Amino acid sequence: MDLETRNINGLLTPFCVSIYDGKEIYSFYLTDYKDFTGLLEASILTLMKRKYNGYRVYLHNFSNFDGIFLLRVLTNLSSDINTIIKDNRLINIKFKFANYYLFFRDSYLLLPSSLSKLAKAFKVDKKGIFPILFVNESNLNYVGSIPSFEYFKGNSEFKIADYVSYCQSYKGQLWNLKKEAIKYCNQDVITLYQIINK
């Protein structure tokens, strides 16, 4: 599972979520929901099925970041939640629904490196490219020119040559923020799944 966030006046809020179970990808985008709580609830409800009983849901850097958003939503969906916290880090969230359980865990605590570096080390599909700094409160439906290089600087190891190559791959096409955010988030969950699986 992965959450993409945007920074609005210093406050980070999710705008895109992807889940990959090894076979299917589920994607959620903020414009399809009333607010980010609705976005997160819809994503969690996708997992609240008997077939996922006992599954471990990994998020990279969950204990420092995504866990804060999810914990709030999980408590809205169930009163039976147990957490393991050590040194102010969420190690595990055991989430009960009906007679079933999900476990939310931080893959970064198992593999303390960036997803990009882990993808190279484990020789799996590489992490995508996305202008992380471009997304704001009013442009979620943006379609137009590719955002400038400065918006991609949040990506580790992203160079101007990478940007030029990226732009060439969209020559003659309009760039669609929703489509690209979902593609980027989807690639992150596929990459993380492949790493954990190896």
C-alpha atoms as a PDB file:
ATOM      1  CA  MET A   1       0.000   0.000   0.000  1.00  0.00           C
ATOM      2  CA  ASP A   2       1.205   3.515  -0.713  1.00  0.00           C
ATOM      3  CA  LEU A   3      -0.100   7.016  -0.043  1.00  0.00           C
ATOM      4  CA  GLU A   4       0.923  10.084  -1.999  1.00  0.00           C
ATOM      5  CA  THR A   5       0.577  13.376  -0.147  1.00  0.00           C
ATOM      6  CA  ARG A   6       0.544  17.053  -0.997  1.00  0.00           C
ATOM      7  CA  ASN A   7       1.791  19.924   1.129  1.00  0.00           C
ATOM      8  CA  ILE A   8      -0.782  22.637   1.771  1.00  0.00           C
ATOM      9  CA  ASN A   9       0.469  25.433   4.032  1.00  0.00           C
ATOM     10  CA  GLY A  10       2.839  23.046   5.780  1.00  0.00           C
ATOM     11  CA  LEU A  11       0.162  20.369   6.305  1.00  0.00           C
ATOM     12  CA  LEU A  12       0.581  17.083   4.451  1.00  0.00           C
ATOM     13  CA  THR A  13      -2.609  15.371   3.292  1.00  0.00           C
ATOM     14  CA  PRO A  14      -3.114  12.265   1.126  1.00  0.00           C
ATOM     15  CA  PHE A  15      -4.429  12.696  -2.410  1.00  0.00           C
ATOM     16  CA  CYS A  16      -3.721   9.287  -3.969  1.00  0.00           C
ATOM     17  CA  VAL A  17      -3.646   5.719  -2.639  1.00  0.00           C
ATOM     18  CA  SER A  18      -2.682   2.458  -4.322  1.00  0.00           C
ATOM     19  CA  ILE A  19      -2.928  -1.113  -3.088  1.00  0.00           C
ATOM     20  CA  TYR A  20      -1.399  -4.166  -4.757  1.00  0.00           C
ATOM     21  CA  ASP A  21      -2.147  -7.679  -3.552  1.00  0.00           C
ATOM     22  CA  GLY A  22       0.151  -9.482  -5.962  1.00  0.00           C
ATOM     23  CA  LYS A  23      -2.563  -9.859  -8.598  1.00  0.00           C
ATOM     24  CA  GLU A  24      -4.749  -6.756  -8.619  1.00  0.00           C
ATOM     25  CA  ILE A  25      -4.061  -3.055  -8.208  1.00  0.00           C
ATOM     26  CA  TYR A  26      -6.618  -0.778  -6.582  1.00  0.00           C
ATOM     27  CA  SER A  27      -6.236   2.983  -7.028  1.00  0.00           C
ATOM     28  CA  PHE A  28      -7.979   5.861  -5.284  1.00  0.00           C
ATOM     29  CA  TYR A  29      -7.757   9.566  -6.142  1.00  0.00           C
ATOM     30  CA  LEU A  30      -8.967  12.461  -4.015  1.00  0.00           C
ATOM     31  CA  THR A  31     -11.219  14.088  -6.640  1.00  0.00           C
ATOM     32  CA  ASP A  32     -13.420  10.972  -6.519  1.00  0.00           C
ATOM     33  CA  TYR A  33     -14.167  11.504  -2.803  1.00  0.00           C
ATOM     34  CA  LYS A  34     -15.510  14.211  -0.514  1.00  0.00           C
ATOM     35  CA  ASP A  35     -12.205  14.541   1.368  1.00  0.00           C
ATOM     36  CA  PHE A  36      -9.045  12.613   2.164  1.00  0.00           C
ATOM     37  CA  THR A  37     -10.784  10.724   4.982  1.00  0.00           C
ATOM     38  CA  GLY A  38     -13.257   9.350   2.424  1.00  0.00           C
ATOM     39  CA  LEU A  39     -10.339   8.475   0.156  1.00  0.00           C
ATOM     40  CA  LEU A  40      -8.590   6.520   2.911  1.00  0.00           C
ATOM     41  CA  GLU A  41     -11.788   4.832   4.114  1.00  0.00           C
ATOM     42  CA  ALA A  42     -12.527   3.606   0.578  1.00  0.00           C
ATOM     43  CA  SER A  43      -9.026   2.161   0.290  1.00  0.00           C
ATOM     44  CA  ILE A  44      -9.248   0.359   3.643  1.00  0.00           C
ATOM     45  CA  LEU A  45     -12.736  -0.973   2.841  1.00  0.00           C
ATOM     46  CA  THR A  46     -11.209  -2.621  -0.240  1.00  0.00           C
ATOM     47  CA  LEU A  47      -9.054  -4.691   2.122  1.00  0.00           C
ATOM     48  CA  MET A  48     -11.841  -5.506   4.571  1.00  0.00           C
ATOM     49  CA  LYS A  49     -12.712  -8.808   2.919  1.00  0.00           C
ATOM     50  CA  ARG A  50     -12.411 -12.380   4.114  1.00  0.00           C
ATOM     51  CA  LYS A  51      -9.862 -13.199   1.392  1.00  0.00           C
ATOM     52  CA  TYR A  52      -7.413 -10.750   3.005  1.00  0.00           C
ATOM     53  CA  ASN A  53      -7.753 -12.214   6.506  1.00  0.00           C
ATOM     54  CA  GLY A  54      -4.328 -12.330   8.138  1.00  0.00           C
ATOM     55  CA  TYR A  55      -2.628 -10.319   5.395  1.00  0.00           C
ATOM     56  CA  ARG A  56       0.279  -8.077   6.241  1.00  0.00           C
ATOM     57  CA  VAL A  57      -0.094  -4.713   4.543  1.00  0.00           C
ATOM     58  CA  TYR A  58       3.284  -3.052   4.090  1.00  0.00           C
ATOM     59  CA  LEU A  59       3.813   0.672   3.607  1.00  0.00           C
ATOM     60  CA  HIS A  60       7.291   2.131   3.210  1.00  0.00           C
ATOM     61  CA  ASN A  61       8.028   4.625   6.016  1.00  0.00           C
ATOM     62  CA  PHE A  62       4.632   3.877   7.555  1.00  0.00           C
ATOM     63  CA  SER A  63       5.723   4.456  11.153  1.00  0.00           C
ATOM     64  CA  ASN A  64       6.853   8.022  10.547  1.00  0.00           C
ATOM     65  CA  PHE A  65       4.350   9.147   8.015  1.00  0.00           C
ATOM     66  CA  ASP A  66       1.427   7.207   6.515  1.00  0.00           C
ATOM     67  CA  GLY A  67       0.544   5.572   9.828  1.00  0.00           C
ATOM     68  CA  ILE A  68      -0.728   8.845  11.273  1.00  0.00           C
ATOM     69  CA  PHE A  69      -3.342   9.170   8.526  1.00  0.00           C
ATOM     70  CA  LEU A  70      -4.318   5.512   8.537  1.00  0.00           C
ATOM     71  CA  LEU A  71      -4.596   5.090  12.289  1.00  0.00           C
ATOM     72  CA  ARG A  72      -7.242   7.807  12.427  1.00  0.00           C
ATOM     73  CA  VAL A  73      -9.282   6.138   9.686  1.00  0.00           C
ATOM     74  CA  LEU A  74      -8.830   2.627  11.078  1.00  0.00           C
ATOM     75  CA  THR A  75     -10.261   3.732  14.430  1.00  0.00           C
ATOM     76  CA  ASN A  76     -13.335   5.002  12.564  1.00  0.00           C
ATOM     77  CA  LEU A  77     -13.820   1.592  10.957  1.00  0.00           C
ATOM     78  CA  SER A  78     -13.207  -0.645  13.991  1.00  0.00           C
ATOM     79  CA  SER A  79     -13.009  -0.408  17.748  1.00  0.00           C
ATOM     80  CA  ASP A  80     -10.699  -3.426  17.904  1.00  0.00           C
ATOM     81  CA  ILE A  81      -7.233  -2.100  17.077  1.00  0.00           C
ATOM     82  CA  ASN A  82      -3.992  -3.028  18.777  1.00  0.00           C
ATOM     83  CA  THR A  83      -0.760  -1.175  18.141  1.00  0.00           C
ATOM     84  CA  ILE A  84       2.853  -1.975  18.862  1.00  0.00           C
ATOM     85  CA  ILE A  85       4.874   1.195  19.261  1.00  0.00           C
ATOM     86  CA  LYS A  86       8.563   1.435  20.074  1.00  0.00           C
ATOM     87  CA  ASP A  87      10.606   4.631  20.285  1.00  0.00           C
ATOM     88  CA  ASN A  88       7.576   6.587  19.009  1.00  0.00           C
ATOM     89  CA  ARG A  89       7.403   4.436  15.861  1.00  0.00           C
ATOM     90  CA  LEU A  90       4.421   2.369  14.793  1.00  0.00           C
ATOM     91  CA  ILE A  91       5.780  -1.151  14.449  1.00  0.00           C
ATOM     92  CA  ASN A  92       2.481  -2.911  13.824  1.00  0.00           C
ATOM     93  CA  ILE A  93      -1.237  -2.191  13.785  1.00  0.00           C
ATOM     94  CA  LYS A  94      -3.486  -5.210  14.252  1.00  0.00           C
ATOM     95  CA  PHE A  95      -6.844  -4.261  12.784  1.00  0.00           C
ATOM     96  CA  LYS A  96      -9.884  -6.477  13.446  1.00  0.00           C
ATOM     97  CA  PHE A  97     -13.004  -6.346  11.269  1.00  0.00           C
ATOM     98  CA  ALA A  98     -15.862  -8.836  11.684  1.00  0.00           C
ATOM     99  CA  ASN A  99     -13.909 -12.003  12.624  1.00  0.00           C
ATOM    100  CA  TYR A 100     -10.894 -11.157  10.483  1.00  0.00           C
ATOM    101  CA  TYR A 101      -7.585  -9.368  10.900  1.00  0.00           C
ATOM    102  CA  LEU A 102      -5.213  -7.201   8.899  1.00  0.00           C
ATOM    103  CA  PHE A 103      -1.729  -6.212  10.023  1.00  0.00           C
ATOM    104  CA  PHE A 104      -0.276  -2.886   8.899  1.00  0.00           C
ATOM    105  CA  ARG A 105       3.522  -2.761   9.011  1.00  0.00           C
ATOM    106  CA  ASP A 106       6.407  -0.537   8.038  1.00  0.00           C
ATOM    107  CA  SER A 107       8.685  -2.080   5.404  1.00  0.00           C
ATOM    108  CA  TYR A 108      11.266   0.647   6.095  1.00  0.00           C
ATOM    109  CA  LEU A 109      11.852  -0.841   9.559  1.00  0.00           C
ATOM    110  CA  LEU A 110      12.729  -4.156   7.863  1.00  0.00           C
ATOM    111  CA  LEU A 111      14.696  -2.589   5.021  1.00  0.00           C
ATOM    112  CA  PRO A 112      15.977   0.860   6.057  1.00  0.00           C
ATOM    113  CA  SER A 113      16.691   2.404   2.673  1.00  0.00           C
ATOM    114  CA  SER A 114      14.814   4.336   0.016  1.00  0.00           C
ATOM    115  CA  LEU A 115      12.470   2.393  -2.250  1.00  0.00           C
ATOM    116  CA  SER A 116      14.579   3.484  -5.217  1.00  0.00           C
ATOM    117  CA  LYS A 117      17.779   2.029  -3.727  1.00  0.00           C
ATOM    118  CA  LEU A 118      15.996  -1.144  -2.621  1.00  0.00           C
ATOM    119  CA  ALA A 119      14.616  -1.685  -6.133  1.00  0.00           C
ATOM    120  CA  LYS A 120      18.174  -1.602  -7.499  1.00  0.00           C
ATOM    121  CA  ALA A 121      19.540  -3.838  -4.750  1.00  0.00           C
ATOM    122  CA  PHE A 122      16.787  -6.443  -5.162  1.00  0.00           C
ATOM    123  CA  LYS A 123      16.784  -6.121  -8.977  1.00  0.00           C
ATOM    124  CA  VAL A 124      13.053  -5.481  -9.269  1.00  0.00           C
ATOM    125  CA  ASP A 125      11.008  -2.936 -11.245  1.00  0.00           C
ATOM    126  CA  LYS A 126      12.345   0.526 -10.523  1.00  0.00           C
ATOM    127  CA  LYS A 127      10.441   3.269  -8.789  1.00  0.00           C
ATOM    128  CA  GLY A 128       8.653   5.745 -11.046  1.00  0.00           C
ATOM    129  CA  ILE A 129       9.174   9.458 -11.570  1.00  0.00           C
ATOM    130  CA  PHE A 130       6.676  12.094 -10.482  1.00  0.00           C
ATOM    131  CA  PRO A 131       6.709  15.864  -9.747  1.00  0.00           C
ATOM    132  CA  ILE A 132       6.009  15.423  -6.039  1.00  0.00           C
ATOM    133  CA  LEU A 133       6.319  19.149  -5.337  1.00  0.00           C
ATOM    134  CA  PHE A 134       3.835  20.138  -8.061  1.00  0.00           C
ATOM    135  CA  VAL A 135       0.590  18.969  -6.426  1.00  0.00           C
ATOM    136  CA  ASN A 136      -1.338  21.644  -4.515  1.00  0.00           C
ATOM    137  CA  GLU A 137      -4.869  22.288  -3.275  1.00  0.00           C
ATOM    138  CA  SER A 138      -6.255  23.502  -6.589  1.00  0.00           C
ATOM    139  CA  ASN A 139      -4.578  21.513  -9.375  1.00  0.00           C
ATOM    140  CA  LEU A 140      -5.670  17.895  -8.835  1.00  0.00           C
ATOM    141  CA  ASN A 141      -7.410  17.896 -12.240  1.00  0.00           C
ATOM    142  CA  TYR A 142      -4.474  19.527 -14.048  1.00  0.00           C
ATOM    143  CA  VAL A 143      -3.971  18.587 -17.710  1.00  0.00           C
ATOM    144  CA  GLY A 144      -1.330  20.460 -19.704  1.00  0.00           C
ATOM    145  CA  SER A 145       2.414  20.846 -20.084  1.00  0.00           C
ATOM    146  CA  ILE A 146       4.782  18.707 -18.062  1.00  0.00           C
ATOM    147  CA  PRO A 147       5.650  20.528 -14.818  1.00  0.00           C
ATOM    148  CA  SER A 148       9.122  22.076 -14.759  1.00  0.00           C
ATOM    149  CA  PHE A 149      12.197  20.271 -13.446  1.00  0.00           C
ATOM    150  CA  GLU A 150      12.069  22.032 -10.047  1.00  0.00           C
ATOM    151  CA  TYR A 151       8.887  20.134  -9.147  1.00  0.00           C
ATOM    152  CA  PHE A 152      10.649  16.791  -9.614  1.00  0.00           C
ATOM    153  CA  LYS A 153      13.429  17.596  -7.146  1.00  0.00           C
ATOM    154  CA  GLY A 154      11.653  15.664  -4.378  1.00  0.00           C
ATOM    155  CA  ASN A 155      12.608  12.462  -6.215  1.00  0.00           C
ATOM    156  CA  SER A 156      15.886  11.052  -4.991  1.00  0.00           C
ATOM    157  CA  GLU A 157      18.632  10.748  -7.596  1.00  0.00           C
ATOM    158  CA  PHE A 158      16.586  12.593 -10.267  1.00  0.00           C
ATOM    159  CA  LYS A 159      18.843  14.422 -12.706  1.00  0.00           C
ATOM    160  CA  ILE A 160      18.183  16.905 -15.501  1.00  0.00           C
ATOM    161  CA  ALA A 161      18.981  14.160 -18.058  1.00  0.00           C
ATOM    162  CA  ASP A 162      16.177  12.076 -16.514  1.00  0.00           C
ATOM    163  CA  TYR A 163      13.839  15.038 -16.866  1.00  0.00           C
ATOM    164  CA  VAL A 164      14.737  15.545 -20.519  1.00  0.00           C
ATOM    165  CA  SER A 165      14.124  11.855 -21.223  1.00  0.00           C
ATOM    166  CA  TYR A 166      10.829  11.998 -19.312  1.00  0.00           C
ATOM    167  CA  CYS A 167       9.681  15.007 -21.357  1.00  0.00           C
ATOM    168  CA  GLN A 168      10.596  13.284 -24.627  1.00  0.00           C
ATOM    169  CA  SER A 169       8.388  10.333 -23.715  1.00  0.00           C
ATOM    170  CA  TYR A 170       5.392  12.736 -23.631  1.00  0.00           C
ATOM    171  CA  LYS A 171       6.204  14.581 -26.849  1.00  0.00           C
ATOM    172  CA  GLY A 172       2.977  15.671 -28.552  1.00  0.00           C
ATOM    173  CA  GLN A 173       0.823  14.624 -25.554  1.00  0.00           C
ATOM    174  CA  LEU A 174      -0.817  16.504 -22.731  1.00  0.00           C
ATOM    175  CA  TRP A 175       0.348  15.569 -19.247  1.00  0.00           C
ATOM    176  CA  ASN A 176      -2.460  14.492 -16.880  1.00  0.00           C
ATOM    177  CA  LEU A 177      -1.811  14.849 -13.131  1.00  0.00           C
ATOM    178  CA  LYS A 178      -4.417  12.301 -12.019  1.00  0.00           C
ATOM    179  CA  LYS A 179      -3.251   9.700 -14.519  1.00  0.00           C
ATOM    180  CA  GLU A 180       0.428  10.247 -13.683  1.00  0.00           C
ATOM    181  CA  ALA A 181      -0.110  10.258  -9.906  1.00  0.00           C
ATOM    182  CA  ILE A 182      -1.985   6.955 -10.078  1.00  0.00           C
ATOM    183  CA  LYS A 183       0.680   5.463 -12.371  1.00  0.00           C
ATOM    184  CA  TYR A 184       3.438   6.584  -9.977  1.00  0.00           C
ATOM    185  CA  CYS A 185       1.646   5.314  -6.870  1.00  0.00           C
ATOM    186  CA  ASN A 186       0.840   2.003  -8.601  1.00  0.00           C
ATOM    187  CA  GLN A 187       4.501   1.525  -9.521  1.00  0.00           C
ATOM    188  CA  ASP A 188       5.535   2.133  -5.917  1.00  0.00           C
ATOM    189  CA  VAL A 189       3.256  -0.626  -4.594  1.00  0.00           C
ATOM    190  CA  ILE A 190       4.364  -3.065  -7.301  1.00  0.00           C
ATOM    191  CA  THR A 191       8.022  -2.333  -6.519  1.00  0.00           C
ATOM    192  CA  LEU A 192       7.477  -2.704  -2.773  1.00  0.00           C
ATOM    193  CA  TYR A 193       5.546  -5.959  -3.270  1.00  0.00           C
ATOM    194  CA  GLN A 194       8.379  -7.387  -5.396  1.00  0.00           C
ATOM    195  CA  ILE A 195      10.974  -6.384  -2.790  1.00  0.00           C
ATOM    196  CA  ILE A 196       9.025  -7.890   0.127  1.00  0.00           C
ATOM    197  CA  ASN A 197       8.311 -11.009  -1.918  1.00  0.00           C
ATOM    198  CA  LYS A 198      12.034 -11.508  -2.631  1.00  0.00           C
END
